[in-house]
Amino acid sequence: MFGRIRTAYGRLLDGKRAPSRPDGSAGTAATRDPARKRAPNLFEAAASYVSARAENDQDKIDEAAGWVSPEALSFGVSELACRAVVALARERDESPHAVARALLGLPTA
């Protein structure tokens, strides 16, 4: 049974893809035209937004906020906060709960 799965997976990997464009070219616009910039993803927008907020740079805040939808930016900022708390907790050898409360200036519960 596993031999059949392995064979099917091998065929999938070895298979050739049809060109994605009528002219036969493939790839994203950024790889075809290096002068064309790609749009920032939500994590890049969140990182730029948070760092601009930390530096109190309103122009950069507005720029980063315009890269993605408000909902996507909110998700990215939340994910960045979670990762930062976990990283600090590991560095300090404390629980994420204690680190989050300390960062917000709240008393330990």
N, C-alpha and C. Protein backbone atom coordinates (compact mmCIF):
# COMPACT_ATOMS: atom_id res chain seq x y z
N MET A 1 0.82 -1.19 0.00
CA MET A 1 0.00 0.00 0.00
C MET A 1 0.87 1.26 0.00
N PHE A 2 1.92 1.28 0.84
CA PHE A 2 2.77 2.46 0.89
C PHE A 2 3.55 2.64 -0.40
N GLY A 3 3.84 1.53 -1.07
CA GLY A 3 4.53 1.61 -2.36
C GLY A 3 3.70 2.35 -3.39
N ARG A 4 2.39 2.10 -3.39
CA ARG A 4 1.50 2.79 -4.32
C ARG A 4 1.44 4.28 -4.00
N ILE A 5 1.41 4.62 -2.73
CA ILE A 5 1.38 6.03 -2.33
C ILE A 5 2.68 6.71 -2.75
N ARG A 6 3.79 6.03 -2.50
CA ARG A 6 5.10 6.58 -2.86
C ARG A 6 5.19 6.80 -4.37
N THR A 7 4.69 5.84 -5.15
CA THR A 7 4.71 5.95 -6.60
C THR A 7 3.85 7.12 -7.08
N ALA A 8 2.66 7.24 -6.51
CA ALA A 8 1.77 8.34 -6.90
C ALA A 8 2.37 9.68 -6.54
N TYR A 9 2.98 9.77 -5.37
CA TYR A 9 3.62 11.01 -4.95
C TYR A 9 4.80 11.35 -5.85
N GLY A 10 5.56 10.34 -6.25
CA GLY A 10 6.68 10.56 -7.16
C GLY A 10 6.23 11.08 -8.51
N ARG A 11 5.12 10.52 -9.01
CA ARG A 11 4.57 11.01 -10.27
C ARG A 11 4.13 12.46 -10.14
N LEU A 12 3.55 12.78 -9.02
CA LEU A 12 3.10 14.14 -8.78
C LEU A 12 4.28 15.11 -8.79
N LEU A 13 5.36 14.72 -8.14
CA LEU A 13 6.54 15.59 -8.09
C LEU A 13 7.24 15.68 -9.43
N ASP A 14 7.24 14.59 -10.20
CA ASP A 14 7.93 14.56 -11.48
C ASP A 14 7.11 15.16 -12.61
N GLY A 15 5.82 15.32 -12.40
CA GLY A 15 4.96 15.83 -13.45
C GLY A 15 5.32 17.26 -13.85
N LYS A 16 5.12 17.54 -15.11
CA LYS A 16 5.43 18.89 -15.59
C LYS A 16 4.17 19.73 -15.52
N ARG A 17 4.36 20.98 -15.13
CA ARG A 17 3.25 21.90 -15.05
C ARG A 17 3.06 22.58 -16.40
N ALA A 18 1.84 22.85 -16.71
CA ALA A 18 1.55 23.60 -17.93
C ALA A 18 1.94 25.05 -17.70
N PRO A 19 2.35 25.74 -18.74
CA PRO A 19 2.68 27.15 -18.57
C PRO A 19 1.48 27.92 -18.02
N SER A 20 1.75 28.86 -17.15
CA SER A 20 0.66 29.59 -16.51
C SER A 20 0.17 30.76 -17.36
N ARG A 21 0.94 31.12 -18.38
CA ARG A 21 0.55 32.24 -19.24
C ARG A 21 0.53 31.77 -20.69
N PRO A 22 -0.29 32.40 -21.52
CA PRO A 22 -0.37 31.98 -22.93
C PRO A 22 0.95 32.09 -23.67
N ASP A 23 1.83 33.02 -23.28
CA ASP A 23 3.10 33.18 -23.98
C ASP A 23 4.14 32.15 -23.52
N GLY A 24 3.76 31.26 -22.59
CA GLY A 24 4.66 30.21 -22.15
C GLY A 24 5.50 30.57 -20.94
N SER A 25 5.42 31.80 -20.50
CA SER A 25 6.20 32.19 -19.33
C SER A 25 5.48 31.77 -18.07
N ALA A 26 6.24 31.61 -17.00
CA ALA A 26 5.66 31.23 -15.71
C ALA A 26 6.26 32.11 -14.65
N GLY A 27 5.69 32.07 -13.47
CA GLY A 27 6.23 32.84 -12.35
C GLY A 27 5.38 34.05 -12.07
N THR A 28 5.75 34.73 -10.99
CA THR A 28 5.00 35.90 -10.57
C THR A 28 5.47 37.12 -11.33
N ALA A 29 4.73 38.19 -11.24
CA ALA A 29 5.10 39.43 -11.91
C ALA A 29 6.43 39.95 -11.40
N ALA A 30 6.72 39.73 -10.12
CA ALA A 30 7.97 40.21 -9.55
C ALA A 30 9.17 39.49 -10.15
N THR A 31 9.02 38.21 -10.49
CA THR A 31 10.15 37.48 -11.08
C THR A 31 10.30 37.80 -12.56
N ARG A 32 9.20 38.13 -13.23
CA ARG A 32 9.28 38.48 -14.64
C ARG A 32 9.80 39.90 -14.83
N ASP A 33 9.39 40.82 -13.98
CA ASP A 33 9.76 42.22 -14.11
C ASP A 33 10.35 42.68 -12.78
N PRO A 34 11.69 42.65 -12.65
CA PRO A 34 12.30 42.99 -11.37
C PRO A 34 12.02 44.42 -10.91
N ALA A 35 11.67 45.32 -11.84
CA ALA A 35 11.39 46.70 -11.44
C ALA A 35 10.05 46.81 -10.75
N ARG A 36 9.17 45.83 -10.96
CA ARG A 36 7.84 45.86 -10.35
C ARG A 36 7.93 45.30 -8.93
N LYS A 37 7.42 46.06 -7.97
CA LYS A 37 7.49 45.63 -6.57
C LYS A 37 6.26 44.81 -6.21
N ARG A 38 6.44 43.88 -5.28
CA ARG A 38 5.31 43.10 -4.78
C ARG A 38 4.71 43.82 -3.59
N ALA A 39 3.47 43.53 -3.33
CA ALA A 39 2.78 44.14 -2.19
C ALA A 39 3.25 43.48 -0.90
N PRO A 40 3.41 44.24 0.18
CA PRO A 40 3.79 43.65 1.46
C PRO A 40 2.70 42.72 1.98
N ASN A 41 3.10 41.65 2.66
CA ASN A 41 2.10 40.77 3.25
C ASN A 41 1.70 41.31 4.62
N LEU A 42 0.74 40.66 5.25
CA LEU A 42 0.21 41.20 6.50
C LEU A 42 1.22 41.19 7.63
N PHE A 43 2.17 40.26 7.63
CA PHE A 43 3.18 40.23 8.69
C PHE A 43 4.20 41.35 8.50
N GLU A 44 4.54 41.65 7.26
CA GLU A 44 5.42 42.80 7.01
C GLU A 44 4.74 44.10 7.40
N ALA A 45 3.45 44.19 7.08
CA ALA A 45 2.69 45.38 7.45
C ALA A 45 2.62 45.51 8.97
N ALA A 46 2.37 44.41 9.67
CA ALA A 46 2.29 44.44 11.13
C ALA A 46 3.62 44.84 11.75
N ALA A 47 4.71 44.28 11.24
CA ALA A 47 6.04 44.61 11.78
C ALA A 47 6.36 46.08 11.57
N SER A 48 6.06 46.60 10.38
CA SER A 48 6.31 48.01 10.10
C SER A 48 5.42 48.90 10.96
N TYR A 49 4.17 48.51 11.11
CA TYR A 49 3.21 49.29 11.90
C TYR A 49 3.64 49.36 13.36
N VAL A 50 3.99 48.22 13.94
CA VAL A 50 4.38 48.19 15.35
C VAL A 50 5.68 48.95 15.58
N SER A 51 6.65 48.77 14.70
CA SER A 51 7.92 49.49 14.88
C SER A 51 7.72 51.00 14.70
N ALA A 52 6.83 51.39 13.78
CA ALA A 52 6.53 52.82 13.61
C ALA A 52 5.82 53.38 14.84
N ARG A 53 4.94 52.57 15.43
CA ARG A 53 4.26 53.01 16.67
C ARG A 53 5.26 53.17 17.80
N ALA A 54 6.23 52.27 17.88
CA ALA A 54 7.25 52.35 18.93
C ALA A 54 8.12 53.60 18.75
N GLU A 55 8.35 54.00 17.49
CA GLU A 55 9.15 55.18 17.20
C GLU A 55 8.30 56.45 17.11
N ASN A 56 6.98 56.31 17.23
CA ASN A 56 6.04 57.43 17.16
C ASN A 56 6.17 58.19 15.84
N ASP A 57 6.26 57.43 14.73
CA ASP A 57 6.41 57.99 13.40
C ASP A 57 5.07 57.86 12.66
N GLN A 58 4.27 58.93 12.68
CA GLN A 58 2.92 58.89 12.14
C GLN A 58 2.90 58.60 10.64
N ASP A 59 3.86 59.10 9.88
CA ASP A 59 3.90 58.85 8.44
C ASP A 59 4.06 57.36 8.15
N LYS A 60 4.97 56.71 8.86
CA LYS A 60 5.18 55.27 8.67
C LYS A 60 4.00 54.46 9.17
N ILE A 61 3.36 54.92 10.23
CA ILE A 61 2.15 54.25 10.74
C ILE A 61 1.07 54.26 9.67
N ASP A 62 0.83 55.43 9.08
CA ASP A 62 -0.19 55.55 8.04
C ASP A 62 0.15 54.73 6.81
N GLU A 63 1.44 54.71 6.44
CA GLU A 63 1.86 53.92 5.28
C GLU A 63 1.62 52.44 5.51
N ALA A 64 2.06 51.92 6.64
CA ALA A 64 1.89 50.50 6.94
C ALA A 64 0.42 50.13 7.07
N ALA A 65 -0.38 51.02 7.62
CA ALA A 65 -1.80 50.75 7.79
C ALA A 65 -2.52 50.67 6.44
N GLY A 66 -1.96 51.30 5.42
CA GLY A 66 -2.57 51.26 4.10
C GLY A 66 -2.19 50.04 3.27
N TRP A 67 -1.25 49.25 3.71
CA TRP A 67 -0.80 48.09 2.94
C TRP A 67 -1.80 46.96 2.93
N VAL A 68 -2.51 46.75 4.02
CA VAL A 68 -3.46 45.64 4.13
C VAL A 68 -4.74 46.15 4.74
N SER A 69 -5.76 45.32 4.76
CA SER A 69 -7.03 45.70 5.38
C SER A 69 -6.85 45.85 6.89
N PRO A 70 -7.72 46.63 7.53
CA PRO A 70 -7.63 46.77 8.99
C PRO A 70 -7.73 45.44 9.73
N GLU A 71 -8.55 44.52 9.22
CA GLU A 71 -8.70 43.22 9.86
C GLU A 71 -7.40 42.42 9.77
N ALA A 72 -6.77 42.46 8.60
CA ALA A 72 -5.50 41.74 8.41
C ALA A 72 -4.41 42.35 9.28
N LEU A 73 -4.39 43.68 9.36
CA LEU A 73 -3.39 44.34 10.20
C LEU A 73 -3.59 43.98 11.66
N SER A 74 -4.84 43.94 12.09
CA SER A 74 -5.14 43.55 13.47
C SER A 74 -4.67 42.13 13.77
N PHE A 75 -4.91 41.22 12.85
CA PHE A 75 -4.45 39.85 13.02
C PHE A 75 -2.93 39.80 13.08
N GLY A 76 -2.26 40.52 12.19
CA GLY A 76 -0.79 40.52 12.16
C GLY A 76 -0.20 41.09 13.44
N VAL A 77 -0.77 42.17 13.94
CA VAL A 77 -0.29 42.77 15.19
C VAL A 77 -0.52 41.82 16.36
N SER A 78 -1.66 41.16 16.37
CA SER A 78 -1.94 40.19 17.43
C SER A 78 -0.95 39.02 17.39
N GLU A 79 -0.67 38.53 16.19
CA GLU A 79 0.28 37.43 16.05
C GLU A 79 1.68 37.87 16.47
N LEU A 80 2.07 39.08 16.11
CA LEU A 80 3.36 39.61 16.51
C LEU A 80 3.45 39.74 18.03
N ALA A 81 2.38 40.20 18.67
CA ALA A 81 2.36 40.32 20.13
C ALA A 81 2.50 38.95 20.79
N CYS A 82 1.79 37.96 20.27
CA CYS A 82 1.88 36.61 20.84
C CYS A 82 3.30 36.07 20.73
N ARG A 83 3.89 36.23 19.56
CA ARG A 83 5.26 35.73 19.36
C ARG A 83 6.26 36.47 20.24
N ALA A 84 6.06 37.76 20.42
CA ALA A 84 6.97 38.55 21.27
C ALA A 84 6.86 38.11 22.73
N VAL A 85 5.65 37.89 23.20
CA VAL A 85 5.46 37.46 24.59
C VAL A 85 6.07 36.09 24.81
N VAL A 86 5.88 35.18 23.87
CA VAL A 86 6.46 33.84 24.01
C VAL A 86 7.99 33.92 24.00
N ALA A 87 8.55 34.74 23.12
CA ALA A 87 10.01 34.87 23.06
C ALA A 87 10.56 35.47 24.35
N LEU A 88 9.90 36.50 24.88
CA LEU A 88 10.34 37.09 26.14
C LEU A 88 10.20 36.11 27.30
N ALA A 89 9.12 35.35 27.29
CA ALA A 89 8.91 34.38 28.36
C ALA A 89 10.02 33.33 28.36
N ARG A 90 10.40 32.88 27.18
CA ARG A 90 11.50 31.90 27.10
C ARG A 90 12.81 32.53 27.56
N GLU A 91 13.04 33.77 27.15
CA GLU A 91 14.28 34.45 27.51
C GLU A 91 14.37 34.69 29.01
N ARG A 92 13.25 35.04 29.62
CA ARG A 92 13.22 35.33 31.06
C ARG A 92 12.96 34.09 31.91
N ASP A 93 12.64 32.98 31.28
CA ASP A 93 12.29 31.75 31.97
C ASP A 93 11.09 31.97 32.90
N GLU A 94 10.08 32.64 32.35
CA GLU A 94 8.82 32.90 33.06
C GLU A 94 7.67 32.41 32.20
N SER A 95 6.49 32.43 32.77
CA SER A 95 5.31 32.04 31.98
C SER A 95 4.90 33.20 31.08
N PRO A 96 4.30 32.90 29.93
CA PRO A 96 3.81 33.97 29.06
C PRO A 96 2.79 34.87 29.77
N HIS A 97 1.99 34.29 30.66
CA HIS A 97 1.01 35.07 31.40
C HIS A 97 1.70 36.12 32.27
N ALA A 98 2.74 35.73 32.97
CA ALA A 98 3.46 36.66 33.83
C ALA A 98 4.15 37.75 33.01
N VAL A 99 4.71 37.38 31.87
CA VAL A 99 5.39 38.35 31.01
C VAL A 99 4.38 39.34 30.45
N ALA A 100 3.25 38.86 29.98
CA ALA A 100 2.24 39.76 29.42
C ALA A 100 1.73 40.75 30.46
N ARG A 101 1.50 40.27 31.65
CA ARG A 101 1.04 41.18 32.73
C ARG A 101 2.11 42.19 33.09
N ALA A 102 3.38 41.76 33.10
CA ALA A 102 4.47 42.68 33.43
C ALA A 102 4.62 43.75 32.33
N LEU A 103 4.49 43.36 31.07
CA LEU A 103 4.60 44.32 29.98
C LEU A 103 3.51 45.38 30.04
N LEU A 104 2.32 44.97 30.50
CA LEU A 104 1.21 45.91 30.60
C LEU A 104 1.18 46.65 31.93
N GLY A 105 2.11 46.32 32.82
CA GLY A 105 2.15 46.99 34.12
C GLY A 105 1.07 46.54 35.08
N LEU A 106 0.57 45.34 34.88
CA LEU A 106 -0.49 44.81 35.74
C LEU A 106 0.13 44.01 36.88
N PRO A 107 -0.51 43.98 38.03
CA PRO A 107 0.01 43.16 39.13
C PRO A 107 -0.09 41.67 38.78
N THR A 108 0.82 40.91 39.33
CA THR A 108 0.77 39.47 39.11
C THR A 108 -0.45 38.89 39.78
N ALA A 109 -1.08 37.95 39.10
CA ALA A 109 -2.31 37.37 39.64
C ALA A 109 -2.01 36.10 40.39
